Protein backbone atom coordinates (compact mmCIF):
# COMPACT_ATOMS: atom_id res chain seq x y z
CA MET A 1 -13.50 20.13 -7.79
CA THR A 2 -10.76 18.21 -9.74
CA SER A 3 -8.90 20.00 -12.81
CA ILE A 4 -7.04 18.39 -16.02
CA SER A 5 -5.28 19.91 -18.82
CA VAL A 6 -5.60 17.70 -21.91
CA ILE A 7 -2.71 18.10 -23.98
CA GLY A 8 -4.23 16.72 -27.46
CA THR A 9 -7.15 17.26 -29.62
CA GLY A 10 -7.09 14.46 -31.54
CA ASN A 11 -9.36 11.62 -30.97
CA MET A 12 -8.40 9.99 -27.76
CA GLY A 13 -7.53 13.48 -26.24
CA SER A 14 -11.47 14.31 -27.27
CA ALA A 15 -12.34 11.23 -25.80
CA ILE A 16 -10.32 11.57 -22.58
CA ALA A 17 -11.82 15.31 -22.29
CA GLY A 18 -14.95 13.82 -22.44
CA LEU A 19 -14.82 11.37 -19.86
CA ALA A 20 -12.95 14.29 -17.38
CA LYS A 21 -15.95 16.23 -17.75
CA LYS A 22 -18.52 14.29 -17.79
CA GLY A 23 -17.16 12.95 -14.13
CA GLY A 24 -16.82 16.39 -13.07
CA ALA A 25 -13.74 18.06 -13.17
CA SER A 26 -12.73 21.19 -14.74
CA VAL A 27 -11.45 21.05 -18.62
CA GLN A 28 -8.88 22.68 -20.19
CA ILE A 29 -7.84 21.61 -23.69
CA VAL A 30 -4.74 22.29 -25.14
CA ASP A 31 -3.18 22.55 -28.49
CA ARG A 32 -0.68 23.90 -30.58
CA ALA A 33 -3.60 25.59 -33.15
CA GLY A 34 -5.66 27.91 -31.20
CA ALA A 35 -8.49 27.36 -33.11
CA LYS A 36 -8.39 23.32 -32.85
CA ALA A 37 -8.24 24.19 -28.62
CA GLN A 38 -10.82 26.65 -28.99
CA ASP A 39 -13.48 24.33 -30.83
CA ALA A 40 -13.02 21.24 -28.99
CA ALA A 41 -13.56 22.99 -25.28
CA ALA A 42 -16.39 24.91 -26.71
CA ALA A 43 -17.80 21.57 -27.22
CA LEU A 44 -17.62 20.49 -24.09
CA GLY A 45 -17.80 23.86 -22.43
CA ALA A 46 -14.14 23.64 -21.34
CA THR A 47 -11.28 26.39 -21.12
CA PRO A 48 -8.58 26.11 -24.62
CA ALA A 49 -5.52 26.84 -24.37
CA VAL A 50 -2.35 26.67 -27.06
CA PHE A 51 1.02 24.96 -25.90
CA GLY A 52 2.85 26.69 -24.15
CA ASP A 53 0.89 28.27 -21.94
CA ALA A 54 0.71 27.53 -18.14
CA LEU A 55 -1.66 24.42 -17.12
CA THR A 56 -3.71 25.00 -14.70
CA GLY A 57 -5.18 21.09 -14.06
CA ASP A 58 -3.56 19.29 -10.98
CA ILE A 59 -3.63 16.46 -13.65
CA VAL A 60 -2.04 16.60 -17.07
CA VAL A 61 -2.88 14.29 -19.53
CA LEU A 62 -0.36 13.64 -22.69
CA ALA A 63 -3.02 12.78 -25.70
CA LEU A 64 0.25 12.65 -28.40
CA PRO A 65 2.50 10.51 -29.86
CA TYR A 66 5.28 9.01 -28.07
CA PRO A 67 7.58 11.15 -30.04
CA ALA A 68 5.78 14.35 -28.76
CA LEU A 69 6.74 14.05 -25.37
CA ASP A 70 10.29 15.05 -25.41
CA ASP A 71 8.42 18.43 -26.89
CA VAL A 72 6.35 18.43 -23.59
CA VAL A 73 9.41 17.92 -21.39
CA THR A 74 11.27 20.78 -23.04
CA THR A 75 8.27 23.12 -22.62
CA TYR A 76 6.42 22.17 -19.66
CA GLY A 77 9.64 21.07 -17.21
CA ALA A 78 9.54 22.07 -13.93
CA ALA A 79 6.06 23.16 -14.33
CA LEU A 80 4.81 19.73 -14.29
CA ASP A 81 6.53 19.26 -10.65
CA GLY A 82 3.77 17.98 -8.33
CA LYS A 83 1.57 17.27 -10.62
CA THR A 84 -0.20 14.23 -12.22
CA VAL A 85 1.17 13.54 -15.36
CA VAL A 86 -0.88 10.91 -17.73
CA ASP A 87 1.04 8.86 -20.20
CA LEU A 88 -0.95 7.03 -23.01
CA THR A 89 1.95 6.40 -25.45
CA ASN A 90 2.26 2.85 -27.31
CA PRO A 91 6.31 3.67 -28.55
CA VAL A 92 5.96 1.84 -31.57
CA ASP A 93 8.11 1.51 -34.22
CA PHE A 94 5.76 2.72 -36.94
CA ALA A 95 8.81 1.91 -39.75
CA THR A 96 7.85 -1.70 -39.28
CA PHE A 97 5.15 -2.18 -36.93
CA ASP A 98 7.18 -4.91 -35.65
CA ALA A 99 8.77 -3.99 -31.96
CA LEU A 100 8.47 -1.36 -29.59
CA THR A 101 11.52 1.53 -29.49
CA VAL A 102 12.26 1.72 -25.99
CA PRO A 103 14.65 -1.18 -24.29
CA ALA A 104 13.22 -4.32 -22.82
CA ASP A 105 13.66 -3.37 -19.23
CA SER A 106 12.15 -0.13 -19.81
CA SER A 107 8.83 2.12 -21.37
CA ALA A 108 7.49 5.35 -22.46
CA ALA A 109 6.33 6.10 -18.83
CA ALA A 110 9.78 5.34 -17.33
CA GLN A 111 11.81 7.31 -19.63
CA LEU A 112 8.88 10.22 -18.96
CA GLN A 113 9.37 9.52 -15.14
CA ALA A 114 13.22 9.70 -15.34
CA THR A 115 13.05 13.01 -17.10
CA LEU A 116 10.49 14.80 -14.79
CA PRO A 117 11.49 13.13 -11.84
CA ASP A 118 9.43 15.90 -9.56
CA ALA A 119 5.85 15.03 -11.32
CA HIS A 120 3.61 11.81 -10.72
CA VAL A 121 4.06 9.61 -14.12
CA VAL A 122 0.85 7.01 -14.61
CA LYS A 123 0.58 5.17 -17.48
CA ALA A 124 -3.14 5.13 -18.20
CA PHE A 125 -5.17 4.68 -21.67
CA ASN A 126 -2.56 3.02 -23.71
CA THR A 127 -4.59 0.16 -23.84
CA ASN A 128 -8.23 1.88 -24.74
CA PHE A 129 -8.88 2.49 -28.40
CA ALA A 130 -10.68 6.11 -28.39
CA ALA A 131 -14.11 4.63 -29.80
CA THR A 132 -14.06 2.33 -26.93
CA LEU A 133 -13.77 5.56 -23.99
CA ALA A 134 -16.29 7.64 -26.07
CA SER A 135 -18.78 4.77 -25.80
CA GLY A 136 -18.14 3.51 -22.43
CA THR A 137 -18.16 -0.31 -23.18
CA VAL A 138 -16.54 -2.85 -25.33
CA GLY A 139 -18.02 -6.01 -26.20
CA GLY A 140 -21.14 -5.84 -23.65
CA GLU A 141 -18.92 -4.79 -20.76
CA PRO A 142 -18.06 -1.29 -19.63
CA THR A 143 -14.31 -0.04 -20.80
CA THR A 144 -11.74 -0.79 -18.31
CA VAL A 145 -8.49 1.66 -18.30
CA VAL A 146 -5.53 -0.22 -16.64
CA ILE A 147 -3.04 2.09 -14.68
CA ALA A 148 0.37 2.02 -13.30
CA GLY A 149 2.04 4.45 -11.22
CA ASP A 150 4.27 4.90 -7.93
CA ASP A 151 2.15 7.39 -6.13
CA ASP A 152 -0.51 6.22 -4.98
CA ALA A 153 -2.80 9.40 -4.31
CA ALA A 154 -2.31 10.46 -8.14
CA LYS A 155 -3.41 7.09 -9.13
CA SER A 156 -6.34 7.10 -6.66
CA GLU A 157 -7.06 10.59 -8.23
CA LEU A 158 -7.69 9.02 -12.14
CA VAL A 159 -9.78 6.00 -10.73
CA GLU A 160 -12.42 8.28 -8.46
CA LEU A 161 -12.74 10.85 -11.43
CA PHE A 162 -12.85 8.24 -14.55
CA THR A 163 -15.03 5.84 -12.39
CA ALA A 164 -17.18 8.84 -11.67
CA ALA A 165 -17.44 9.23 -15.50
CA GLY A 166 -18.88 5.73 -16.42
CA LEU A 167 -15.76 3.59 -16.56
CA LYS A 168 -14.10 0.82 -14.47
CA VAL A 169 -10.16 1.49 -13.89
CA ALA A 170 -7.59 -1.31 -12.56
CA ASP A 171 -4.71 -0.55 -10.74
CA ALA A 172 -1.97 -2.86 -12.24
CA GLY A 173 0.64 -1.74 -9.62
CA ALA A 174 4.09 0.43 -9.91
CA LEU A 175 4.76 2.23 -12.86
CA LYS A 176 7.17 -1.07 -13.60
CA ARG A 177 4.33 -2.27 -15.21
CA ALA A 178 4.05 -0.06 -18.06
CA ARG A 179 6.22 -1.97 -19.81
CA GLU A 180 3.59 -4.78 -19.81
CA LEU A 181 0.59 -1.84 -20.73
CA GLU A 182 2.90 -0.95 -23.45
CA ALA A 183 3.12 -4.48 -24.91
CA VAL A 184 -0.80 -5.23 -24.50
CA GLY A 185 -1.14 -2.13 -26.25
CA PHE A 186 0.84 -2.77 -29.31
CA LEU A 187 -0.64 -6.04 -29.63
CA GLN A 188 -4.06 -4.57 -29.57
CA MET A 189 -3.09 -2.25 -32.70
CA VAL A 190 -1.37 -5.02 -34.47
CA LEU A 191 -4.60 -7.13 -34.50
CA ALA A 192 -6.20 -3.97 -35.22
CA VAL A 193 -4.12 -3.46 -38.10
CA ARG A 194 -4.30 -6.70 -39.05
CA GLU A 195 -7.93 -6.57 -39.49
CA HIS A 196 -8.57 -9.22 -36.87
CA ILE A 197 -10.60 -6.74 -34.51
CA SER A 198 -11.72 -3.48 -35.44
CA TRP A 199 -10.60 -0.61 -33.70
CA THR A 200 -14.20 0.47 -31.59
CA GLY A 201 -13.13 -2.90 -30.42
CA GLY A 202 -10.10 -3.88 -28.13
CA PHE A 203 -9.41 -6.19 -25.27
CA GLY A 204 -12.10 -5.75 -22.48
CA VAL A 205 -11.12 -6.58 -18.46
CA HIS A 206 -14.26 -9.19 -16.96
CA ALA A 207 -13.70 -9.56 -13.47
């Protein structure tokens, strides 16, 4: 059975944990607040944990804001070696909401991979709003999660799990494509903030 640890109990973390459970995975839910982890885990039949506890999942989803990634690396470091680490952050400059905060030739996911060289970092979910993950649809089409990463086995595991949960998964290739995915995620957020799309909508992929 696939095992997954979801760090974060916000809208994205809750939606992804629910999908993982639906896809047949064993789910651990991790949060700094033990009560939040317990409540979220109880709702899904998952296992709760406090941030800093051992991670039981072979897949670790970082359902956190970009600035929190450094704390994950500091806290877990080598404990993530060999694991698939899913980064869904969009490194937006929220002071101006006018740029990404990583260099133009890099990405949050690439930076994370550099700090965790023995983990398998995969960019995923950053072009999806939580509501479209929870509903499984965007504009009448199945929600598509676009992923990027350098380890094919890690990506295949994610494809299998979330396809089983009812989503579509599109593989954009190597982790260097995370830069483009983060730009798309940023654009989608800008459109939502400017009320040109709703937070229950977003971009879809139609084959």
